[in-house]
Amino acid sequence: MFQGEDSVVQVVLTITAAYLTFFSAEILAGCSGIIAVMFCGLVVKAVGETMINDTELMHHFWEITEYLLNTLLFTLGGTVWGDVSFIRFNLLYLF
């Protein structure tokens, strides 16, 4: 059977693989890092899924990460939009 630490190591390896793929494509090869990470994800899904010990842990980790990063993205986007709309164009007199 597998240990709990093995599953954590596998999650860390997926993060590391994604980062190294982005870095090597964008910086070293001069290609699109986003497309390279997408291709890396497809390869891991096709080949590496049978090697993952705890697929439920992996799924939940990436689900939580997706939720947190989407929240951060839309919060920052709303802040920037508010800055551009109300402060730079002096539309504060509407309220």
Protein backbone atom coordinates (compact mmCIF):
# COMPACT_ATOMS: atom_id res chain seq x y z
CA MET A 1 0.00 0.00 0.00
CA PHE A 2 1.08 3.60 -0.27
CA GLN A 3 2.09 6.06 2.39
CA GLY A 4 0.50 9.49 2.85
CA GLU A 5 3.83 11.16 2.21
CA ASP A 6 4.10 9.53 -1.22
CA SER A 7 0.88 11.22 -2.27
CA VAL A 8 2.13 14.62 -1.12
CA VAL A 9 5.36 14.08 -3.05
CA GLN A 10 3.33 13.30 -6.15
CA VAL A 11 1.36 16.55 -5.79
CA VAL A 12 4.62 18.48 -5.41
CA LEU A 13 5.99 16.73 -8.49
CA THR A 14 3.01 17.82 -10.57
CA ILE A 15 3.54 21.44 -9.49
CA THR A 16 7.25 21.16 -10.23
CA ALA A 17 6.63 19.58 -13.64
CA ALA A 18 4.23 22.37 -14.60
CA TYR A 19 6.63 25.10 -13.48
CA LEU A 20 9.68 23.53 -15.13
CA THR A 21 7.73 23.00 -18.35
CA PHE A 22 6.67 26.66 -18.39
CA PHE A 23 10.17 27.88 -17.58
CA SER A 24 11.95 25.71 -20.11
CA ALA A 25 9.49 26.56 -22.89
CA GLU A 26 9.22 30.28 -22.21
CA ILE A 27 12.76 31.18 -21.18
CA LEU A 28 15.02 28.53 -22.68
CA ALA A 29 13.21 27.58 -25.90
CA GLY A 30 11.39 30.85 -26.62
CA CYS A 31 8.06 29.08 -27.17
CA SER A 32 4.67 29.59 -25.56
CA GLY A 33 4.82 28.43 -21.94
CA ILE A 34 1.05 28.16 -21.64
CA ILE A 35 0.78 25.77 -24.58
CA ALA A 36 3.71 23.75 -23.22
CA VAL A 37 2.05 23.41 -19.80
CA MET A 38 -1.21 22.40 -21.47
CA PHE A 39 0.62 19.71 -23.44
CA CYS A 40 2.40 18.57 -20.26
CA GLY A 41 -0.98 18.25 -18.54
CA LEU A 42 -2.33 16.15 -21.40
CA VAL A 43 0.70 13.86 -21.28
CA VAL A 44 0.44 13.47 -17.49
CA LYS A 45 -3.29 12.72 -17.83
CA ALA A 46 -2.71 10.11 -20.54
CA VAL A 47 0.45 8.42 -19.24
CA GLY A 48 0.90 9.30 -15.60
CA GLU A 49 -2.60 8.78 -14.26
CA THR A 50 -1.95 5.09 -13.67
CA MET A 51 1.14 5.95 -11.60
CA ILE A 52 -0.67 8.26 -9.15
CA ASN A 53 -1.32 6.64 -5.79
CA ASP A 54 -4.14 8.82 -4.48
CA THR A 55 -6.08 10.31 -7.39
CA GLU A 56 -8.69 11.76 -5.04
CA LEU A 57 -6.07 13.82 -3.18
CA MET A 58 -4.62 15.03 -6.48
CA HIS A 59 -8.06 16.00 -7.78
CA HIS A 60 -9.03 17.85 -4.60
CA PHE A 61 -5.71 19.69 -4.45
CA TRP A 62 -6.01 21.00 -8.01
CA GLU A 63 -9.68 21.83 -7.47
CA ILE A 64 -8.87 23.98 -4.43
CA THR A 65 -5.93 25.58 -6.22
CA GLU A 66 -8.16 26.43 -9.19
CA TYR A 67 -10.78 27.99 -6.90
CA LEU A 68 -8.23 30.10 -5.00
CA LEU A 69 -6.47 31.34 -8.14
CA ASN A 70 -9.79 32.19 -9.84
CA THR A 71 -10.82 34.14 -6.75
CA LEU A 72 -7.52 36.03 -6.76
CA LEU A 73 -7.76 36.73 -10.49
CA PHE A 74 -11.28 38.16 -10.36
CA THR A 75 -10.54 40.15 -7.20
CA LEU A 76 -7.53 41.79 -8.83
CA GLY A 77 -9.48 42.32 -12.06
CA GLY A 78 -12.31 44.00 -10.17
CA THR A 79 -9.87 46.21 -8.32
CA VAL A 80 -8.16 47.31 -11.52
CA TRP A 81 -11.50 47.88 -13.25
CA GLY A 82 -12.69 49.98 -10.32
CA ASP A 83 -9.51 52.02 -10.41
CA VAL A 84 -9.79 52.66 -14.14
CA SER A 85 -13.53 53.34 -14.16
CA PHE A 86 -14.03 55.51 -11.12
CA ILE A 87 -10.79 57.17 -10.16
CA ARG A 88 -9.03 57.88 -13.43
CA PHE A 89 -12.15 59.15 -15.24
CA ASN A 90 -13.59 61.03 -12.26
CA LEU A 91 -16.92 59.23 -12.35
CA LEU A 92 -17.30 59.44 -8.59
CA TYR A 93 -19.92 62.16 -8.95
CA LEU A 94 -22.39 59.46 -10.07
CA PHE A 95 -22.59 58.13 -6.54
